[in-house]
C-alpha atoms as a PDB file:
ATOM      1  CA  MET A   1     -77.622 -53.955  26.019  1.00  0.00           C
ATOM      2  CA  ASN A   2     -73.583 -54.167  27.026  1.00  0.00           C
ATOM      3  CA  ASN A   3     -74.191 -57.007  29.354  1.00  0.00           C
ATOM      4  CA  ILE A   4     -76.349 -59.392  27.334  1.00  0.00           C
ATOM      5  CA  ASN A   5     -74.299 -62.149  26.311  1.00  0.00           C
ATOM      6  CA  THR A   6     -71.075 -61.168  27.183  1.00  0.00           C
ATOM      7  CA  THR A   7     -69.532 -64.421  28.847  1.00  0.00           C
ATOM      8  CA  ASN A   8     -70.335 -67.730  28.463  1.00  0.00           C
ATOM      9  CA  ALA A   9     -71.138 -70.343  31.367  1.00  0.00           C
ATOM     10  CA  ALA A  10     -67.271 -71.180  31.899  1.00  0.00           C
ATOM     11  CA  GLY A  11     -67.209 -67.370  32.235  1.00  0.00           C
ATOM     12  CA  LYS A  12     -64.790 -66.793  28.809  1.00  0.00           C
ATOM     13  CA  PRO A  13     -66.096 -63.861  26.898  1.00  0.00           C
ATOM     14  CA  SER A  14     -68.784 -64.849  24.742  1.00  0.00           C
ATOM     15  CA  PRO A  15     -68.407 -64.636  20.643  1.00  0.00           C
ATOM     16  CA  ARG A  16     -70.727 -61.726  20.929  1.00  0.00           C
ATOM     17  CA  ARG A  17     -68.499 -59.636  22.968  1.00  0.00           C
ATOM     18  CA  LEU A  18     -65.364 -60.193  21.071  1.00  0.00           C
ATOM     19  CA  VAL A  19     -66.729 -59.519  17.700  1.00  0.00           C
ATOM     20  CA  LEU A  20     -68.058 -56.099  19.133  1.00  0.00           C
ATOM     21  CA  ILE A  21     -64.631 -55.154  20.501  1.00  0.00           C
ATOM     22  CA  ALA A  22     -62.852 -56.719  17.254  1.00  0.00           C
ATOM     23  CA  MET A  23     -65.567 -54.287  15.142  1.00  0.00           C
ATOM     24  CA  MET A  24     -64.834 -51.226  17.478  1.00  0.00           C
ATOM     25  CA  THR A  25     -61.278 -51.801  17.397  1.00  0.00           C
ATOM     26  CA  ALA A  26     -61.043 -51.894  13.369  1.00  0.00           C
ATOM     27  CA  ILE A  27     -63.426 -49.021  13.278  1.00  0.00           C
ATOM     28  CA  THR A  28     -60.840 -47.019  15.335  1.00  0.00           C
ATOM     29  CA  CYS A  29     -58.095 -48.385  12.888  1.00  0.00           C
ATOM     30  CA  ILE A  30     -59.853 -46.760   9.811  1.00  0.00           C
ATOM     31  CA  LEU A  31     -61.327 -43.695  11.388  1.00  0.00           C
ATOM     32  CA  ALA A  32     -58.261 -42.325  13.618  1.00  0.00           C
ATOM     33  CA  PRO A  33     -55.831 -42.203  10.802  1.00  0.00           C
ATOM     34  CA  LEU A  34     -57.964 -39.452   9.207  1.00  0.00           C
ATOM     35  CA  SER A  35     -56.412 -36.472  10.212  1.00  0.00           C
ATOM     36  CA  ILE A  36     -55.817 -32.945   9.701  1.00  0.00           C
ATOM     37  CA  PRO A  37     -53.002 -31.236  10.640  1.00  0.00           C
ATOM     38  CA  ILE A  38     -53.014 -27.812  11.470  1.00  0.00           C
ATOM     39  CA  PRO A  39     -50.299 -25.035  11.420  1.00  0.00           C
ATOM     40  CA  VAL A  40     -50.406 -23.569  14.868  1.00  0.00           C
ATOM     41  CA  SER A  41     -49.845 -27.468  16.334  1.00  0.00           C
ATOM     42  CA  PRO A  42     -48.449 -30.589  16.315  1.00  0.00           C
ATOM     43  CA  VAL A  43     -50.965 -32.156  17.404  1.00  0.00           C
ATOM     44  CA  PRO A  44     -53.897 -33.021  14.381  1.00  0.00           C
ATOM     45  CA  ILE A  45     -57.087 -32.936  14.508  1.00  0.00           C
ATOM     46  CA  SER A  46     -58.087 -36.198  14.490  1.00  0.00           C
ATOM     47  CA  LEU A  47     -61.788 -38.600  14.717  1.00  0.00           C
ATOM     48  CA  THR A  48     -60.044 -40.871  17.283  1.00  0.00           C
ATOM     49  CA  ASN A  49     -62.195 -39.378  20.449  1.00  0.00           C
ATOM     50  CA  LEU A  50     -65.078 -38.875  18.527  1.00  0.00           C
ATOM     51  CA  VAL A  51     -64.659 -42.931  17.845  1.00  0.00           C
ATOM     52  CA  LEU A  52     -63.950 -43.756  21.658  1.00  0.00           C
ATOM     53  CA  LEU A  53     -67.118 -41.145  22.656  1.00  0.00           C
ATOM     54  CA  ILE A  54     -69.245 -43.594  20.415  1.00  0.00           C
ATOM     55  CA  SER A  55     -67.927 -46.779  21.221  1.00  0.00           C
ATOM     56  CA  VAL A  56     -68.929 -46.457  24.690  1.00  0.00           C
ATOM     57  CA  TYR A  57     -72.401 -46.770  23.883  1.00  0.00           C
ATOM     58  CA  ILE A  58     -71.743 -49.879  22.042  1.00  0.00           C
ATOM     59  CA  LEU A  59     -69.385 -51.249  24.170  1.00  0.00           C
ATOM     60  CA  GLY A  60     -69.755 -50.390  27.657  1.00  0.00           C
ATOM     61  CA  TRP A  61     -66.600 -48.649  29.534  1.00  0.00           C
ATOM     62  CA  LYS A  62     -64.933 -51.907  30.104  1.00  0.00           C
ATOM     63  CA  ASP A  63     -64.854 -53.239  26.404  1.00  0.00           C
ATOM     64  CA  ALA A  64     -64.497 -49.865  25.257  1.00  0.00           C
ATOM     65  CA  SER A  65     -61.410 -49.303  26.913  1.00  0.00           C
ATOM     66  CA  ILE A  66     -60.026 -53.145  25.867  1.00  0.00           C
ATOM     67  CA  SER A  67     -60.909 -52.004  22.713  1.00  0.00           C
ATOM     68  CA  PHE A  68     -58.628 -49.021  22.634  1.00  0.00           C
ATOM     69  CA  ILE A  69     -55.863 -50.689  24.101  1.00  0.00           C
ATOM     70  CA  ILE A  70     -55.773 -53.141  21.526  1.00  0.00           C
ATOM     71  CA  TYR A  71     -56.078 -50.104  18.994  1.00  0.00           C
ATOM     72  CA  LEU A  72     -52.842 -48.846  20.905  1.00  0.00           C
ATOM     73  CA  LEU A  73     -50.905 -52.290  20.833  1.00  0.00           C
ATOM     74  CA  LEU A  74     -51.657 -52.445  16.866  1.00  0.00           C
ATOM     75  CA  GLY A  75     -50.120 -48.814  16.086  1.00  0.00           C
ATOM     76  CA  LEU A  76     -47.164 -49.751  18.643  1.00  0.00           C
ATOM     77  CA  ALA A  77     -46.602 -52.870  16.585  1.00  0.00           C
ATOM     78  CA  GLY A  78     -45.930 -50.648  13.780  1.00  0.00           C
ATOM     79  CA  LEU A  79     -49.518 -50.471  11.771  1.00  0.00           C
ATOM     80  CA  PRO A  80     -50.150 -46.891  10.536  1.00  0.00           C
ATOM     81  CA  VAL A  81     -53.431 -46.701  12.413  1.00  0.00           C
ATOM     82  CA  PHE A  82     -52.318 -43.532  14.337  1.00  0.00           C
ATOM     83  CA  SER A  83     -53.278 -39.930  13.022  1.00  0.00           C
ATOM     84  CA  GLY A  84     -51.798 -39.420   9.639  1.00  0.00           C
ATOM     85  CA  PHE A  85     -51.349 -43.200   8.784  1.00  0.00           C
ATOM     86  CA  SER A  86     -48.536 -43.592  11.110  1.00  0.00           C
ATOM     87  CA  GLY A  87     -47.443 -45.789  13.645  1.00  0.00           C
ATOM     88  CA  GLY A  88     -44.959 -47.492  15.944  1.00  0.00           C
ATOM     89  CA  LEU A  89     -43.176 -46.294  19.496  1.00  0.00           C
ATOM     90  CA  GLY A  90     -42.202 -42.863  17.815  1.00  0.00           C
ATOM     91  CA  LYS A  91     -45.825 -42.068  18.010  1.00  0.00           C
ATOM     92  CA  ILE A  92     -46.271 -42.502  21.516  1.00  0.00           C
ATOM     93  CA  ALA A  93     -42.977 -41.109  22.512  1.00  0.00           C
ATOM     94  CA  GLY A  94     -43.842 -38.121  20.291  1.00  0.00           C
ATOM     95  CA  PRO A  95     -45.499 -34.780  20.781  1.00  0.00           C
ATOM     96  CA  THR A  96     -49.114 -36.493  20.801  1.00  0.00           C
ATOM     97  CA  GLY A  97     -48.288 -39.519  22.697  1.00  0.00           C
ATOM     98  CA  GLY A  98     -49.583 -38.159  25.829  1.00  0.00           C
ATOM     99  CA  TYR A  99     -53.108 -37.900  24.506  1.00  0.00           C
ATOM    100  CA  LEU A 100     -53.087 -41.086  23.109  1.00  0.00           C
ATOM    101  CA  ALA A 101     -52.620 -42.232  26.791  1.00  0.00           C
ATOM    102  CA  GLY A 102     -55.028 -39.693  28.015  1.00  0.00           C
ATOM    103  CA  PHE A 103     -57.668 -41.473  25.804  1.00  0.00           C
ATOM    104  CA  ILE A 104     -57.525 -44.326  28.069  1.00  0.00           C
ATOM    105  CA  PHE A 105     -58.851 -42.440  30.698  1.00  0.00           C
ATOM    106  CA  MET A 106     -61.494 -40.696  28.992  1.00  0.00           C
ATOM    107  CA  THR A 107     -62.629 -43.733  27.629  1.00  0.00           C
ATOM    108  CA  VAL A 108     -63.124 -45.288  31.304  1.00  0.00           C
ATOM    109  CA  ILE A 109     -64.677 -42.034  32.512  1.00  0.00           C
ATOM    110  CA  ALA A 110     -66.941 -41.364  29.630  1.00  0.00           C
ATOM    111  CA  GLY A 111     -68.092 -45.079  29.697  1.00  0.00           C
ATOM    112  CA  LEU A 112     -68.986 -45.323  33.756  1.00  0.00           C
ATOM    113  CA  ALA A 113     -70.897 -42.016  32.841  1.00  0.00           C
ATOM    114  CA  VAL A 114     -72.881 -43.572  30.172  1.00  0.00           C
ATOM    115  CA  ASP A 115     -73.309 -47.035  31.747  1.00  0.00           C
ATOM    116  CA  ILE A 116     -74.164 -45.705  35.099  1.00  0.00           C
ATOM    117  CA  PHE A 117     -76.377 -42.772  33.871  1.00  0.00           C
ATOM    118  CA  SER A 118     -78.154 -44.906  31.190  1.00  0.00           C
ATOM    119  CA  GLY A 119     -80.062 -43.176  28.819  1.00  0.00           C
ATOM    120  CA  ARG A 120     -79.670 -39.581  30.499  1.00  0.00           C
ATOM    121  CA  ARG A 121     -77.957 -37.302  28.087  1.00  0.00           C
ATOM    122  CA  LEU A 122     -76.760 -34.663  30.627  1.00  0.00           C
ATOM    123  CA  PRO A 123     -74.636 -36.880  32.772  1.00  0.00           C
ATOM    124  CA  ALA A 124     -73.132 -38.507  29.723  1.00  0.00           C
ATOM    125  CA  VAL A 125     -72.309 -34.998  28.615  1.00  0.00           C
ATOM    126  CA  ILE A 126     -70.361 -34.403  31.975  1.00  0.00           C
ATOM    127  CA  GLY A 127     -68.551 -37.557  32.019  1.00  0.00           C
ATOM    128  CA  MET A 128     -67.280 -37.228  28.636  1.00  0.00           C
ATOM    129  CA  ALA A 129     -66.323 -33.084  29.255  1.00  0.00           C
ATOM    130  CA  LEU A 130     -64.369 -34.839  32.361  1.00  0.00           C
ATOM    131  CA  GLY A 131     -63.014 -37.436  30.308  1.00  0.00           C
ATOM    132  CA  THR A 132     -61.840 -34.918  27.755  1.00  0.00           C
ATOM    133  CA  ALA A 133     -60.256 -32.765  30.188  1.00  0.00           C
ATOM    134  CA  VAL A 134     -57.861 -35.754  31.890  1.00  0.00           C
ATOM    135  CA  ALA A 135     -56.936 -36.351  28.349  1.00  0.00           C
ATOM    136  CA  TYR A 136     -56.120 -33.145  27.447  1.00  0.00           C
ATOM    137  CA  ALA A 137     -54.263 -32.747  30.773  1.00  0.00           C
ATOM    138  CA  PHE A 138     -51.910 -36.009  30.122  1.00  0.00           C
ATOM    139  CA  GLY A 139     -51.636 -34.508  26.296  1.00  0.00           C
ATOM    140  CA  THR A 140     -50.443 -31.290  27.200  1.00  0.00           C
ATOM    141  CA  ALA A 141     -48.123 -31.825  29.856  1.00  0.00           C
ATOM    142  CA  TRP A 142     -46.624 -34.715  27.518  1.00  0.00           C
ATOM    143  CA  LEU A 143     -46.633 -31.981  25.290  1.00  0.00           C
ATOM    144  CA  ALA A 144     -44.870 -29.748  27.264  1.00  0.00           C
ATOM    145  CA  ILE A 145     -42.091 -32.073  28.107  1.00  0.00           C
ATOM    146  CA  GLN A 146     -41.588 -33.365  24.364  1.00  0.00           C
ATOM    147  CA  MET A 147     -41.476 -29.492  22.897  1.00  0.00           C
ATOM    148  CA  ASP A 148     -39.870 -27.838  26.181  1.00  0.00           C
ATOM    149  CA  LEU A 149     -42.725 -25.393  26.737  1.00  0.00           C
ATOM    150  CA  THR A 150     -44.626 -23.954  29.508  1.00  0.00           C
ATOM    151  CA  PHE A 151     -47.395 -25.885  30.119  1.00  0.00           C
ATOM    152  CA  ILE A 152     -49.463 -22.989  29.868  1.00  0.00           C
ATOM    153  CA  SER A 153     -47.801 -22.695  26.274  1.00  0.00           C
ATOM    154  CA  ALA A 154     -48.582 -26.285  25.801  1.00  0.00           C
ATOM    155  CA  LEU A 155     -51.837 -25.682  26.599  1.00  0.00           C
ATOM    156  CA  SER A 156     -52.273 -22.676  23.782  1.00  0.00           C
ATOM    157  CA  ILE A 157     -51.568 -25.056  21.129  1.00  0.00           C
ATOM    158  CA  GLY A 158     -52.400 -28.259  22.365  1.00  0.00           C
ATOM    159  CA  VAL A 159     -55.632 -27.898  23.868  1.00  0.00           C
ATOM    160  CA  LEU A 160     -57.288 -24.198  23.074  1.00  0.00           C
ATOM    161  CA  PRO A 161     -57.611 -24.988  19.233  1.00  0.00           C
ATOM    162  CA  TYR A 162     -59.288 -28.439  19.678  1.00  0.00           C
ATOM    163  CA  LEU A 163     -62.271 -27.028  22.136  1.00  0.00           C
ATOM    164  CA  ALA A 164     -64.968 -26.303  19.566  1.00  0.00           C
ATOM    165  CA  GLY A 165     -64.285 -29.452  17.618  1.00  0.00           C
ATOM    166  CA  ASP A 166     -64.592 -31.406  21.038  1.00  0.00           C
ATOM    167  CA  THR A 167     -67.322 -29.930  22.039  1.00  0.00           C
ATOM    168  CA  LEU A 168     -68.839 -31.209  18.793  1.00  0.00           C
ATOM    169  CA  LYS A 169     -67.668 -34.540  19.121  1.00  0.00           C
ATOM    170  CA  ILE A 170     -69.420 -34.917  22.409  1.00  0.00           C
ATOM    171  CA  ILE A 171     -72.294 -33.312  21.199  1.00  0.00           C
ATOM    172  CA  LEU A 172     -72.288 -35.786  18.406  1.00  0.00           C
ATOM    173  CA  ALA A 173     -71.825 -38.997  20.339  1.00  0.00           C
ATOM    174  CA  VAL A 174     -74.582 -38.242  22.733  1.00  0.00           C
ATOM    175  CA  ILE A 175     -76.648 -38.087  19.696  1.00  0.00           C
ATOM    176  CA  ALA A 176     -75.209 -40.904  17.704  1.00  0.00           C
ATOM    177  CA  GLY A 177     -74.454 -43.024  20.389  1.00  0.00           C
ATOM    178  CA  PRO A 178     -77.582 -44.178  21.841  1.00  0.00           C
ATOM    179  CA  MET A 179     -79.021 -44.283  18.343  1.00  0.00           C
ATOM    180  CA  LEU A 180     -76.666 -46.719  17.200  1.00  0.00           C
ATOM    181  CA  GLN A 181     -77.065 -48.940  20.616  1.00  0.00           C
ATOM    182  CA  LYS A 182     -80.703 -49.149  19.960  1.00  0.00           C
ATOM    183  CA  ARG A 183     -80.329 -49.773  16.464  1.00  0.00           C
ATOM    184  CA  LEU A 184     -77.545 -52.552  16.890  1.00  0.00           C
ATOM    185  CA  ARG A 185     -79.735 -54.224  19.714  1.00  0.00           C
ATOM    186  CA  PRO A 186     -82.447 -56.003  17.782  1.00  0.00           C
ATOM    187  CA  LEU A 187     -79.430 -57.683  15.581  1.00  0.00           C
ATOM    188  CA  ASN A 188     -77.948 -58.794  18.451  1.00  0.00           C
ATOM    189  CA  LEU A 189     -74.511 -57.381  17.866  1.00  0.00           C
END
């Protein structure tokens, strides 16, 4: 699905491809700010990673990554698209900025697994788990620097409280992603 009508004869992106990227960027901008702060961590529970994991099914890894980078740029420009309806450079430079940067790599790794092993759930789950682990590594390292914590202390407040929820998000993405992909195909979206 992801390679149909993606470029025109001149090699430029097709309108379909641009619309899909814009649509997923808009969905990320709508759902990512919806977050739940938790008392034990400066990192809120967010839907950002769920949207990204589903987007790799709809867009493929390259366009899902482009969509997320556009989202980051919109947030950097000050639009309130980050968790808690915040935006600006302060959010990237703050304690959660490493997770936002790590989501780029999560999208690439998860998307490659979905694209390469099309239709196979176990490799998709493994790719999503590996991508999430990479995002956790970036986020934990940055959180440790920002809050003057050891890596282990940052891990205990920036990863451990989220493992169950992120596992559920991976399961939801592996179920919903292919369903959405299949439903969008007849619509030529």
